[in-house]
Every structure is written in structure tokens, then in C-alpha cells.
Amino acid sequence: MSDRTTYLVLPGYQNSGPEHWQSRWEAAEPAAFRRVRQEDWDHPDPESWVARLDAAVVDAAADGPVVLVAHSLGCVTVARWVAAAPAGRTAAVRGALLVAPADVDHADVQELTGFRPVALRPFPFPSVVVFSTDDPWVAPDRARAFARAWGARYVEPGAYGHLNAESGLGDWPAGRKLLLEL
């Protein structure tokens, strides 16, 4: 086993396009950043998404430490995985950057109802929740509640919408800094 960290990228509902900061990070460092591919990005199945995350963690852990880089529904997937995974499996993860967690409990999107309720078990690894004050997918009080429940530090960078490609973050250097602090 090497000491090379693998960053598992977990996009949300409908995936992250080429201008999304997750995709930019992958393109910049393809050996370090590995996207967890889902079977169906438009009709997400919680059990399938969690199973794919679990398989990706097992695979990546063979090479060294693992850090999760999740956005939106990807954050909710991480929470579901933590709630269901055996302790030995979560021990492979060294940290998680959880950006703009989607509040699926209050989302009016039929495709997301299977992810209800958001799992609120503490994470056994360091994590940080980043949320925008004007995110249409999660109110600041809910994002803070997620962070508290997960035992995560939380960061409010200001009003940037859903912290995605439309937010104009580009390569999002502030996010990379948070990732390196994990």
C-alpha cells in the first residue's frame, strides 16, 4: 500500500458538468481525484449510490488514504454510507469535504425522496460542511444542523448559490484550501 491519498469525488443529482469545481479538480489531477460513477445520475437510487461509494472506498483504500469530496446529493450519500457501513470500512477515510448538502427532506423533487430522511449519525473522520447563505437546496440553519449532527466544522463563504458551476467558482481555490486542511 502506498501513502498516496485518493480523493473520491461524489457529485450530486444529475452529476457535475465540466465547469463544476469537482470536474476541474479531477481534470487538473486525474491520478489523485477519482469520480464515483453512478449508474443513473437522473434517477438516483440510494442503495445503489451507497453501494458504489462503498466499492470505491474499498478500491481506493488499497492504494492509501481516502478523502471524500462530495457535493449536494453526494453529501447525503456519504451520510447514508456512514450510517450503514461497518467501522472497518469507514476507518479507511481520512476526511470529507461536504459542499452544499442537499436538504432532501424538504426538496420537492420526486427523484430525491428515496434519500429521505437525511442520515444524521456522527462521522468517524474529520469533515467540513461548506454552504452558501443563498443556496436554494439547503437553508443555512439546516446546513448547520447537518454539520452539528455529522460532527463537522462548517464554513459559510457567503452568497454563492449552490456552490456549483453556476456560482462562478471556477477552480475554487478556497475549496482546495479547505480540502488540504482536512
N, C-alpha and C. Protein backbone atom coordinates (compact mmCIF):
# COMPACT_ATOMS: atom_id res chain seq x y z
N MET A 1 0.84 -1.18 0.00
CA MET A 1 0.00 0.00 0.00
C MET A 1 0.89 1.25 0.00
N SER A 2 0.58 2.19 -0.84
CA SER A 2 1.33 3.44 -0.90
C SER A 2 0.74 4.44 0.09
N ASP A 3 1.36 5.61 0.17
CA ASP A 3 0.80 6.64 1.04
C ASP A 3 0.13 7.74 0.21
N ARG A 4 -0.21 7.41 -1.02
CA ARG A 4 -0.86 8.37 -1.91
C ARG A 4 -2.34 8.50 -1.54
N THR A 5 -2.79 9.72 -1.32
CA THR A 5 -4.19 9.96 -1.00
C THR A 5 -5.02 9.93 -2.27
N THR A 6 -6.13 9.23 -2.21
CA THR A 6 -7.11 9.25 -3.30
C THR A 6 -8.29 10.07 -2.85
N TYR A 7 -8.67 11.03 -3.69
CA TYR A 7 -9.82 11.88 -3.41
C TYR A 7 -10.99 11.35 -4.22
N LEU A 8 -11.96 10.78 -3.54
CA LEU A 8 -13.14 10.25 -4.21
C LEU A 8 -14.15 11.38 -4.38
N VAL A 9 -14.48 11.67 -5.62
CA VAL A 9 -15.38 12.76 -5.97
C VAL A 9 -16.80 12.21 -6.08
N LEU A 10 -17.71 12.80 -5.31
CA LEU A 10 -19.10 12.37 -5.26
C LEU A 10 -20.02 13.51 -5.69
N PRO A 11 -20.34 13.59 -6.98
CA PRO A 11 -21.27 14.62 -7.44
C PRO A 11 -22.68 14.33 -6.93
N GLY A 12 -23.54 15.30 -7.13
CA GLY A 12 -24.92 15.15 -6.72
C GLY A 12 -25.82 14.77 -7.87
N TYR A 13 -27.08 15.01 -7.65
CA TYR A 13 -28.14 14.74 -8.62
C TYR A 13 -27.77 15.34 -9.98
N GLN A 14 -27.84 14.56 -11.01
CA GLN A 14 -27.56 14.93 -12.39
C GLN A 14 -26.09 15.15 -12.69
N ASN A 15 -25.20 14.76 -11.76
CA ASN A 15 -23.75 14.77 -11.99
C ASN A 15 -23.21 16.19 -11.99
N SER A 16 -21.91 16.32 -12.09
CA SER A 16 -21.23 17.62 -12.16
C SER A 16 -20.66 17.77 -13.56
N GLY A 17 -21.03 18.85 -14.23
CA GLY A 17 -20.56 19.11 -15.59
C GLY A 17 -19.11 19.55 -15.63
N PRO A 18 -18.58 19.78 -16.83
CA PRO A 18 -17.16 20.09 -17.00
C PRO A 18 -16.70 21.39 -16.35
N GLU A 19 -17.60 22.34 -16.12
CA GLU A 19 -17.21 23.61 -15.50
C GLU A 19 -17.38 23.61 -13.98
N HIS A 20 -17.89 22.53 -13.43
CA HIS A 20 -18.05 22.40 -11.98
C HIS A 20 -16.66 22.26 -11.35
N TRP A 21 -16.48 22.82 -10.17
CA TRP A 21 -15.18 22.74 -9.50
C TRP A 21 -14.74 21.29 -9.30
N GLN A 22 -15.67 20.35 -9.05
CA GLN A 22 -15.28 18.95 -8.89
C GLN A 22 -14.62 18.43 -10.17
N SER A 23 -15.24 18.71 -11.29
CA SER A 23 -14.70 18.25 -12.58
C SER A 23 -13.36 18.92 -12.88
N ARG A 24 -13.23 20.18 -12.53
CA ARG A 24 -11.97 20.90 -12.75
C ARG A 24 -10.85 20.29 -11.91
N TRP A 25 -11.16 19.94 -10.66
CA TRP A 25 -10.15 19.31 -9.81
C TRP A 25 -9.73 17.97 -10.38
N GLU A 26 -10.69 17.19 -10.87
CA GLU A 26 -10.37 15.91 -11.49
C GLU A 26 -9.47 16.10 -12.72
N ALA A 27 -9.82 17.07 -13.55
CA ALA A 27 -9.05 17.30 -14.77
C ALA A 27 -7.63 17.76 -14.45
N ALA A 28 -7.48 18.54 -13.40
CA ALA A 28 -6.17 19.06 -13.02
C ALA A 28 -5.26 17.98 -12.43
N GLU A 29 -5.86 17.01 -11.72
CA GLU A 29 -5.08 15.96 -11.05
C GLU A 29 -5.78 14.61 -11.20
N PRO A 30 -5.79 14.05 -12.42
CA PRO A 30 -6.52 12.81 -12.64
C PRO A 30 -5.98 11.60 -11.86
N ALA A 31 -4.74 11.62 -11.47
CA ALA A 31 -4.19 10.50 -10.70
C ALA A 31 -4.67 10.53 -9.25
N ALA A 32 -5.03 11.70 -8.75
CA ALA A 32 -5.43 11.83 -7.35
C ALA A 32 -6.94 11.85 -7.15
N PHE A 33 -7.66 12.47 -8.11
CA PHE A 33 -9.11 12.63 -7.97
C PHE A 33 -9.82 11.60 -8.84
N ARG A 34 -10.69 10.83 -8.21
CA ARG A 34 -11.40 9.75 -8.90
C ARG A 34 -12.91 9.89 -8.65
N ARG A 35 -13.67 10.07 -9.71
CA ARG A 35 -15.12 10.22 -9.59
C ARG A 35 -15.78 8.87 -9.28
N VAL A 36 -16.70 8.88 -8.34
CA VAL A 36 -17.53 7.70 -8.07
C VAL A 36 -18.66 7.75 -9.09
N ARG A 37 -18.62 6.84 -10.04
CA ARG A 37 -19.60 6.81 -11.13
C ARG A 37 -20.88 6.13 -10.66
N GLN A 38 -21.99 6.79 -10.93
CA GLN A 38 -23.30 6.22 -10.58
C GLN A 38 -23.97 5.69 -11.84
N GLU A 39 -24.79 4.68 -11.66
CA GLU A 39 -25.49 4.06 -12.80
C GLU A 39 -26.46 5.02 -13.46
N ASP A 40 -27.17 5.80 -12.64
CA ASP A 40 -28.18 6.71 -13.18
C ASP A 40 -28.14 8.01 -12.39
N TRP A 41 -27.61 9.05 -13.02
CA TRP A 41 -27.49 10.35 -12.36
C TRP A 41 -28.82 11.08 -12.27
N ASP A 42 -29.76 10.76 -13.17
CA ASP A 42 -31.04 11.49 -13.21
C ASP A 42 -32.15 10.83 -12.40
N HIS A 43 -31.98 9.56 -12.08
CA HIS A 43 -32.95 8.83 -11.25
C HIS A 43 -32.17 8.07 -10.19
N PRO A 44 -31.62 8.80 -9.22
CA PRO A 44 -30.72 8.19 -8.24
C PRO A 44 -31.43 7.20 -7.32
N ASP A 45 -30.76 6.09 -7.12
CA ASP A 45 -31.25 5.06 -6.20
C ASP A 45 -30.31 5.05 -4.99
N PRO A 46 -30.82 5.32 -3.79
CA PRO A 46 -29.93 5.45 -2.63
C PRO A 46 -29.09 4.21 -2.36
N GLU A 47 -29.67 3.03 -2.48
CA GLU A 47 -28.91 1.81 -2.19
C GLU A 47 -27.78 1.62 -3.20
N SER A 48 -28.06 1.89 -4.46
CA SER A 48 -27.05 1.78 -5.50
C SER A 48 -25.95 2.82 -5.30
N TRP A 49 -26.33 4.06 -4.99
CA TRP A 49 -25.33 5.11 -4.81
C TRP A 49 -24.42 4.79 -3.62
N VAL A 50 -24.99 4.30 -2.53
CA VAL A 50 -24.20 3.95 -1.35
C VAL A 50 -23.29 2.75 -1.67
N ALA A 51 -23.81 1.76 -2.38
CA ALA A 51 -23.01 0.59 -2.74
C ALA A 51 -21.82 0.98 -3.62
N ARG A 52 -22.04 1.90 -4.54
CA ARG A 52 -20.94 2.34 -5.41
C ARG A 52 -19.89 3.12 -4.62
N LEU A 53 -20.34 3.93 -3.66
CA LEU A 53 -19.39 4.62 -2.79
C LEU A 53 -18.59 3.61 -1.99
N ASP A 54 -19.26 2.62 -1.42
CA ASP A 54 -18.58 1.61 -0.62
C ASP A 54 -17.52 0.88 -1.45
N ALA A 55 -17.89 0.47 -2.66
CA ALA A 55 -16.93 -0.22 -3.53
C ALA A 55 -15.75 0.68 -3.88
N ALA A 56 -16.02 1.95 -4.11
CA ALA A 56 -14.95 2.90 -4.45
C ALA A 56 -14.00 3.09 -3.27
N VAL A 57 -14.53 3.14 -2.05
CA VAL A 57 -13.68 3.28 -0.87
C VAL A 57 -12.79 2.04 -0.73
N VAL A 58 -13.35 0.87 -0.88
CA VAL A 58 -12.56 -0.37 -0.78
C VAL A 58 -11.44 -0.36 -1.82
N ASP A 59 -11.78 0.00 -3.05
CA ASP A 59 -10.79 0.02 -4.12
C ASP A 59 -9.70 1.05 -3.86
N ALA A 60 -10.09 2.25 -3.49
CA ALA A 60 -9.12 3.32 -3.27
C ALA A 60 -8.24 3.06 -2.05
N ALA A 61 -8.81 2.46 -1.01
CA ALA A 61 -8.07 2.21 0.22
C ALA A 61 -6.89 1.25 -0.01
N ALA A 62 -6.95 0.46 -1.06
CA ALA A 62 -5.85 -0.43 -1.39
C ALA A 62 -4.60 0.36 -1.77
N ASP A 63 -4.77 1.60 -2.20
CA ASP A 63 -3.65 2.46 -2.61
C ASP A 63 -3.18 3.41 -1.53
N GLY A 64 -3.97 3.58 -0.47
CA GLY A 64 -3.58 4.51 0.58
C GLY A 64 -4.79 5.22 1.16
N PRO A 65 -4.55 6.35 1.80
CA PRO A 65 -5.64 7.09 2.45
C PRO A 65 -6.69 7.57 1.45
N VAL A 66 -7.91 7.73 1.94
CA VAL A 66 -9.04 8.17 1.12
C VAL A 66 -9.65 9.42 1.75
N VAL A 67 -9.96 10.40 0.90
CA VAL A 67 -10.67 11.60 1.32
C VAL A 67 -11.87 11.75 0.39
N LEU A 68 -13.04 12.03 0.94
CA LEU A 68 -14.26 12.18 0.17
C LEU A 68 -14.49 13.65 -0.16
N VAL A 69 -14.87 13.90 -1.42
CA VAL A 69 -15.13 15.26 -1.90
C VAL A 69 -16.53 15.26 -2.48
N ALA A 70 -17.51 15.63 -1.66
CA ALA A 70 -18.91 15.47 -2.04
C ALA A 70 -19.60 16.81 -2.26
N HIS A 71 -20.56 16.78 -3.18
CA HIS A 71 -21.39 17.97 -3.46
C HIS A 71 -22.85 17.55 -3.46
N SER A 72 -23.70 18.33 -2.81
CA SER A 72 -25.15 18.20 -2.88
C SER A 72 -25.64 16.81 -2.45
N LEU A 73 -26.26 16.08 -3.36
CA LEU A 73 -26.74 14.74 -3.03
C LEU A 73 -25.58 13.80 -2.71
N GLY A 74 -24.39 14.12 -3.19
CA GLY A 74 -23.21 13.34 -2.82
C GLY A 74 -22.97 13.39 -1.31
N CYS A 75 -23.24 14.54 -0.68
CA CYS A 75 -23.10 14.67 0.78
C CYS A 75 -24.09 13.76 1.50
N VAL A 76 -25.31 13.74 1.02
CA VAL A 76 -26.35 12.90 1.61
C VAL A 76 -25.98 11.43 1.44
N THR A 77 -25.38 11.09 0.31
CA THR A 77 -24.91 9.72 0.06
C THR A 77 -23.83 9.34 1.06
N VAL A 78 -22.89 10.23 1.32
CA VAL A 78 -21.85 9.97 2.32
C VAL A 78 -22.49 9.72 3.68
N ALA A 79 -23.45 10.54 4.07
CA ALA A 79 -24.11 10.37 5.37
C ALA A 79 -24.81 9.02 5.47
N ARG A 80 -25.47 8.59 4.39
CA ARG A 80 -26.14 7.28 4.39
C ARG A 80 -25.11 6.16 4.48
N TRP A 81 -23.98 6.32 3.78
CA TRP A 81 -22.92 5.31 3.81
C TRP A 81 -22.35 5.19 5.22
N VAL A 82 -22.05 6.33 5.86
CA VAL A 82 -21.51 6.32 7.21
C VAL A 82 -22.47 5.61 8.16
N ALA A 83 -23.76 5.87 8.02
CA ALA A 83 -24.76 5.27 8.91
C ALA A 83 -24.86 3.76 8.74
N ALA A 84 -24.51 3.25 7.56
CA ALA A 84 -24.68 1.82 7.29
C ALA A 84 -23.38 1.01 7.23
N ALA A 85 -22.26 1.67 7.04
CA ALA A 85 -21.00 0.96 6.82
C ALA A 85 -20.42 0.41 8.11
N PRO A 86 -19.75 -0.74 8.01
CA PRO A 86 -19.05 -1.25 9.19
C PRO A 86 -17.87 -0.34 9.55
N ALA A 87 -17.51 -0.31 10.82
CA ALA A 87 -16.45 0.59 11.30
C ALA A 87 -15.15 0.38 10.55
N GLY A 88 -14.82 -0.83 10.22
CA GLY A 88 -13.59 -1.09 9.49
C GLY A 88 -13.56 -0.39 8.14
N ARG A 89 -14.69 -0.25 7.53
CA ARG A 89 -14.76 0.38 6.21
C ARG A 89 -14.56 1.89 6.32
N THR A 90 -15.21 2.51 7.30
CA THR A 90 -15.08 3.96 7.44
C THR A 90 -13.68 4.35 7.93
N ALA A 91 -12.96 3.42 8.53
CA ALA A 91 -11.61 3.71 9.01
C ALA A 91 -10.65 4.06 7.87
N ALA A 92 -10.99 3.65 6.66
CA ALA A 92 -10.14 3.95 5.50
C ALA A 92 -10.22 5.42 5.09
N VAL A 93 -11.25 6.11 5.55
CA VAL A 93 -11.47 7.50 5.15
C VAL A 93 -10.80 8.43 6.15
N ARG A 94 -9.99 9.34 5.63
CA ARG A 94 -9.25 10.29 6.47
C ARG A 94 -9.98 11.62 6.65
N GLY A 95 -10.98 11.88 5.81
CA GLY A 95 -11.71 13.12 5.94
C GLY A 95 -12.71 13.30 4.81
N ALA A 96 -13.57 14.32 4.95
CA ALA A 96 -14.58 14.58 3.92
C ALA A 96 -14.84 16.08 3.81
N LEU A 97 -14.84 16.55 2.57
CA LEU A 97 -15.27 17.90 2.24
C LEU A 97 -16.69 17.76 1.71
N LEU A 98 -17.65 18.33 2.42
CA LEU A 98 -19.08 18.18 2.11
C LEU A 98 -19.63 19.54 1.72
N VAL A 99 -19.86 19.74 0.44
CA VAL A 99 -20.20 21.06 -0.08
C VAL A 99 -21.66 21.11 -0.49
N ALA A 100 -22.38 22.09 0.02
CA ALA A 100 -23.78 22.33 -0.34
C ALA A 100 -24.65 21.09 -0.19
N PRO A 101 -24.71 20.52 1.03
CA PRO A 101 -25.53 19.32 1.21
C PRO A 101 -27.00 19.60 0.88
N ALA A 102 -27.57 18.78 0.04
CA ALA A 102 -28.97 18.97 -0.36
C ALA A 102 -29.90 18.54 0.77
N ASP A 103 -30.84 19.38 1.10
CA ASP A 103 -31.83 19.05 2.12
C ASP A 103 -32.97 18.27 1.46
N VAL A 104 -32.74 16.99 1.22
CA VAL A 104 -33.73 16.18 0.52
C VAL A 104 -35.00 16.00 1.32
N ASP A 105 -34.93 16.21 2.63
CA ASP A 105 -36.13 16.10 3.47
C ASP A 105 -37.17 17.15 3.10
N HIS A 106 -36.70 18.27 2.51
CA HIS A 106 -37.60 19.36 2.16
C HIS A 106 -37.61 19.67 0.67
N ALA A 107 -36.90 18.89 -0.12
CA ALA A 107 -36.83 19.13 -1.57
C ALA A 107 -38.09 18.60 -2.25
N ASP A 108 -38.59 19.37 -3.16
CA ASP A 108 -39.79 18.98 -3.90
C ASP A 108 -39.39 18.38 -5.25
N VAL A 109 -38.56 17.32 -5.17
CA VAL A 109 -38.08 16.63 -6.37
C VAL A 109 -38.31 15.13 -6.15
N GLN A 110 -39.21 14.56 -6.91
CA GLN A 110 -39.60 13.17 -6.73
C GLN A 110 -38.40 12.22 -6.75
N GLU A 111 -37.42 12.48 -7.61
CA GLU A 111 -36.27 11.59 -7.75
C GLU A 111 -35.40 11.53 -6.49
N LEU A 112 -35.58 12.46 -5.57
CA LEU A 112 -34.74 12.51 -4.38
C LEU A 112 -35.40 11.96 -3.12
N THR A 113 -36.67 11.63 -3.19
CA THR A 113 -37.39 11.22 -1.98
C THR A 113 -36.85 9.92 -1.38
N GLY A 114 -36.25 9.07 -2.17
CA GLY A 114 -35.69 7.82 -1.65
C GLY A 114 -34.53 8.05 -0.70
N PHE A 115 -33.94 9.23 -0.71
CA PHE A 115 -32.82 9.55 0.17
C PHE A 115 -33.27 10.10 1.51
N ARG A 116 -34.60 10.20 1.70
CA ARG A 116 -35.14 10.67 2.97
C ARG A 116 -35.17 9.55 3.99
N PRO A 117 -35.01 9.87 5.24
CA PRO A 117 -34.52 11.12 5.79
C PRO A 117 -33.00 11.20 5.67
N VAL A 118 -32.47 12.41 5.74
CA VAL A 118 -31.02 12.59 5.74
C VAL A 118 -30.47 11.91 6.99
N ALA A 119 -29.49 11.04 6.82
CA ALA A 119 -28.87 10.35 7.96
C ALA A 119 -28.08 11.36 8.79
N LEU A 120 -28.25 11.31 10.10
CA LEU A 120 -27.65 12.29 10.99
C LEU A 120 -26.72 11.68 12.02
N ARG A 121 -26.06 10.59 11.65
CA ARG A 121 -25.10 9.93 12.54
C ARG A 121 -23.75 10.65 12.45
N PRO A 122 -23.05 10.81 13.58
CA PRO A 122 -21.72 11.45 13.54
C PRO A 122 -20.74 10.68 12.66
N PHE A 123 -19.92 11.40 11.94
CA PHE A 123 -18.91 10.78 11.08
C PHE A 123 -17.69 10.42 11.94
N PRO A 124 -17.08 9.27 11.67
CA PRO A 124 -15.90 8.87 12.44
C PRO A 124 -14.59 9.42 11.89
N PHE A 125 -14.68 10.44 11.05
CA PHE A 125 -13.48 11.06 10.47
C PHE A 125 -13.73 12.57 10.39
N PRO A 126 -12.67 13.36 10.32
CA PRO A 126 -12.84 14.82 10.24
C PRO A 126 -13.59 15.22 8.97
N SER A 127 -14.40 16.24 9.11
CA SER A 127 -15.14 16.71 7.94
C SER A 127 -15.47 18.18 8.10
N VAL A 128 -15.75 18.78 6.95
CA VAL A 128 -16.17 20.18 6.93
C VAL A 128 -17.35 20.31 5.99
N VAL A 129 -18.38 21.02 6.44
CA VAL A 129 -19.55 21.30 5.62
C VAL A 129 -19.44 22.75 5.16
N VAL A 130 -19.53 22.94 3.84
CA VAL A 130 -19.47 24.28 3.26
C VAL A 130 -20.83 24.57 2.65
N PHE A 131 -21.41 25.72 3.00
CA PHE A 131 -22.72 26.05 2.44
C PHE A 131 -22.82 27.54 2.20
N SER A 132 -23.59 27.87 1.21
CA SER A 132 -23.83 29.25 0.81
C SER A 132 -25.06 29.78 1.52
N THR A 133 -25.04 31.06 1.82
CA THR A 133 -26.17 31.66 2.53
C THR A 133 -27.43 31.79 1.67
N ASP A 134 -27.29 31.63 0.35
CA ASP A 134 -28.47 31.72 -0.52
C ASP A 134 -28.66 30.45 -1.36
N ASP A 135 -28.24 29.32 -0.83
CA ASP A 135 -28.38 28.05 -1.54
C ASP A 135 -29.86 27.66 -1.64
N PRO A 136 -30.38 27.42 -2.85
CA PRO A 136 -31.79 27.04 -2.97
C PRO A 136 -32.08 25.61 -2.51
N TRP A 137 -31.03 24.82 -2.27
CA TRP A 137 -31.22 23.41 -1.90
C TRP A 137 -31.06 23.14 -0.41
N VAL A 138 -30.57 24.14 0.35
CA VAL A 138 -30.46 23.96 1.79
C VAL A 138 -30.42 25.33 2.47
N ALA A 139 -31.25 25.48 3.47
CA ALA A 139 -31.26 26.70 4.26
C ALA A 139 -30.06 26.67 5.21
N PRO A 140 -29.49 27.82 5.53
CA PRO A 140 -28.33 27.85 6.42
C PRO A 140 -28.55 27.12 7.75
N ASP A 141 -29.74 27.25 8.35
CA ASP A 141 -29.97 26.56 9.62
C ASP A 141 -29.94 25.05 9.46
N ARG A 142 -30.44 24.54 8.34
CA ARG A 142 -30.39 23.08 8.09
C ARG A 142 -28.96 22.63 7.81
N ALA A 143 -28.20 23.41 7.05
CA ALA A 143 -26.80 23.07 6.79
C ALA A 143 -26.01 23.02 8.09
N ARG A 144 -26.25 23.99 8.97
CA ARG A 144 -25.58 23.98 10.28
C ARG A 144 -26.00 22.77 11.10
N ALA A 145 -27.28 22.40 11.02
CA ALA A 145 -27.77 21.22 11.75
C ALA A 145 -27.10 19.95 11.22
N PHE A 146 -26.94 19.86 9.90
CA PHE A 146 -26.22 18.70 9.33
C PHE A 146 -24.79 18.67 9.88
N ALA A 147 -24.11 19.81 9.84
CA ALA A 147 -22.73 19.87 10.32
C ALA A 147 -22.64 19.43 11.78
N ARG A 148 -23.53 19.92 12.62
CA ARG A 148 -23.53 19.53 14.04
C ARG A 148 -23.75 18.03 14.19
N ALA A 149 -24.74 17.50 13.49
CA ALA A 149 -25.06 16.07 13.60
C ALA A 149 -23.91 15.19 13.11
N TRP A 150 -23.25 15.63 12.07
CA TRP A 150 -22.14 14.85 11.50
C TRP A 150 -20.81 15.09 12.22
N GLY A 151 -20.81 16.04 13.16
CA GLY A 151 -19.58 16.37 13.88
C GLY A 151 -18.59 17.12 13.01
N ALA A 152 -19.11 17.88 12.06
CA ALA A 152 -18.27 18.58 11.09
C ALA A 152 -18.11 20.06 11.45
N ARG A 153 -17.01 20.60 11.04
CA ARG A 153 -16.82 22.05 11.08
C ARG A 153 -17.65 22.62 9.94
N TYR A 154 -18.18 23.82 10.11
CA TYR A 154 -18.92 24.39 8.98
C TYR A 154 -18.35 25.75 8.59
N VAL A 155 -18.46 25.99 7.28
CA VAL A 155 -17.91 27.20 6.69
C VAL A 155 -18.97 27.82 5.80
N GLU A 156 -19.19 29.12 5.99
CA GLU A 156 -20.11 29.89 5.16
C GLU A 156 -19.29 30.90 4.35
N PRO A 157 -19.03 30.64 3.06
CA PRO A 157 -18.22 31.57 2.27
C PRO A 157 -18.98 32.80 1.80
N GLY A 158 -20.29 32.85 2.02
CA GLY A 158 -21.11 33.97 1.55
C GLY A 158 -22.22 33.48 0.64
N ALA A 159 -22.69 34.36 -0.21
CA ALA A 159 -23.81 34.04 -1.11
C ALA A 159 -23.27 33.59 -2.47
N TYR A 160 -23.27 32.29 -2.68
CA TYR A 160 -22.77 31.70 -3.93
C TYR A 160 -23.73 30.67 -4.51
N GLY A 161 -24.99 30.76 -4.18
CA GLY A 161 -25.95 29.79 -4.71
C GLY A 161 -25.63 28.39 -4.23
N HIS A 162 -25.68 27.43 -5.14
CA HIS A 162 -25.49 26.02 -4.78
C HIS A 162 -24.02 25.59 -4.85
N LEU A 163 -23.11 26.55 -4.89
CA LEU A 163 -21.67 26.25 -4.94
C LEU A 163 -21.34 25.26 -6.05
N ASN A 164 -21.85 25.58 -7.23
CA ASN A 164 -21.65 24.72 -8.40
C ASN A 164 -21.11 25.56 -9.55
N ALA A 165 -21.19 25.05 -10.77
CA ALA A 165 -20.66 25.77 -11.93
C ALA A 165 -21.33 27.13 -12.10
N GLU A 166 -22.63 27.20 -11.84
CA GLU A 166 -23.37 28.46 -11.99
C GLU A 166 -22.95 29.51 -10.96
N SER A 167 -22.24 29.09 -9.92
CA SER A 167 -21.80 30.02 -8.88
C SER A 167 -20.56 30.81 -9.29
N GLY A 168 -19.97 30.44 -10.43
CA GLY A 168 -18.80 31.16 -10.92
C GLY A 168 -17.54 30.94 -10.09
N LEU A 169 -17.41 29.77 -9.48
CA LEU A 169 -16.27 29.49 -8.61
C LEU A 169 -15.01 29.12 -9.39
N GLY A 170 -15.16 28.72 -10.64
CA GLY A 170 -14.01 28.29 -11.42
C GLY A 170 -13.33 27.10 -10.77
N ASP A 171 -12.02 27.21 -10.56
CA ASP A 171 -11.25 26.12 -9.91
C ASP A 171 -11.44 26.10 -8.40
N TRP A 172 -12.12 27.08 -7.86
CA TRP A 172 -12.44 27.23 -6.45
C TRP A 172 -11.24 26.99 -5.53
N PRO A 173 -10.27 27.89 -5.57
CA PRO A 173 -9.09 27.75 -4.72
C PRO A 173 -9.41 27.73 -3.23
N ALA A 174 -10.44 28.44 -2.79
CA ALA A 174 -10.81 28.42 -1.37
C ALA A 174 -11.25 27.02 -0.96
N GLY A 175 -11.93 26.30 -1.85
CA GLY A 175 -12.32 24.93 -1.58
C GLY A 175 -11.13 24.00 -1.49
N ARG A 176 -10.16 24.19 -2.38
CA ARG A 176 -8.93 23.38 -2.34
C ARG A 176 -8.19 23.60 -1.03
N LYS A 177 -8.19 24.83 -0.54
CA LYS A 177 -7.55 25.12 0.73
C LYS A 177 -8.26 24.37 1.87
N LEU A 178 -9.57 24.37 1.86
CA LEU A 178 -10.32 23.62 2.88
C LEU A 178 -10.01 22.13 2.80
N LEU A 179 -9.90 21.62 1.58
CA LEU A 179 -9.59 20.20 1.39
C LEU A 179 -8.22 19.87 1.98
N LEU A 180 -7.25 20.72 1.74
CA LEU A 180 -5.90 20.47 2.26
C LEU A 180 -5.84 20.58 3.79
N GLU A 181 -6.76 21.33 4.37
CA GLU A 181 -6.80 21.46 5.83
C GLU A 181 -7.35 20.21 6.51
N LEU A 182 -8.01 19.34 5.75
CA LEU A 182 -8.56 18.12 6.37
C LEU A 182 -7.40 17.28 6.84
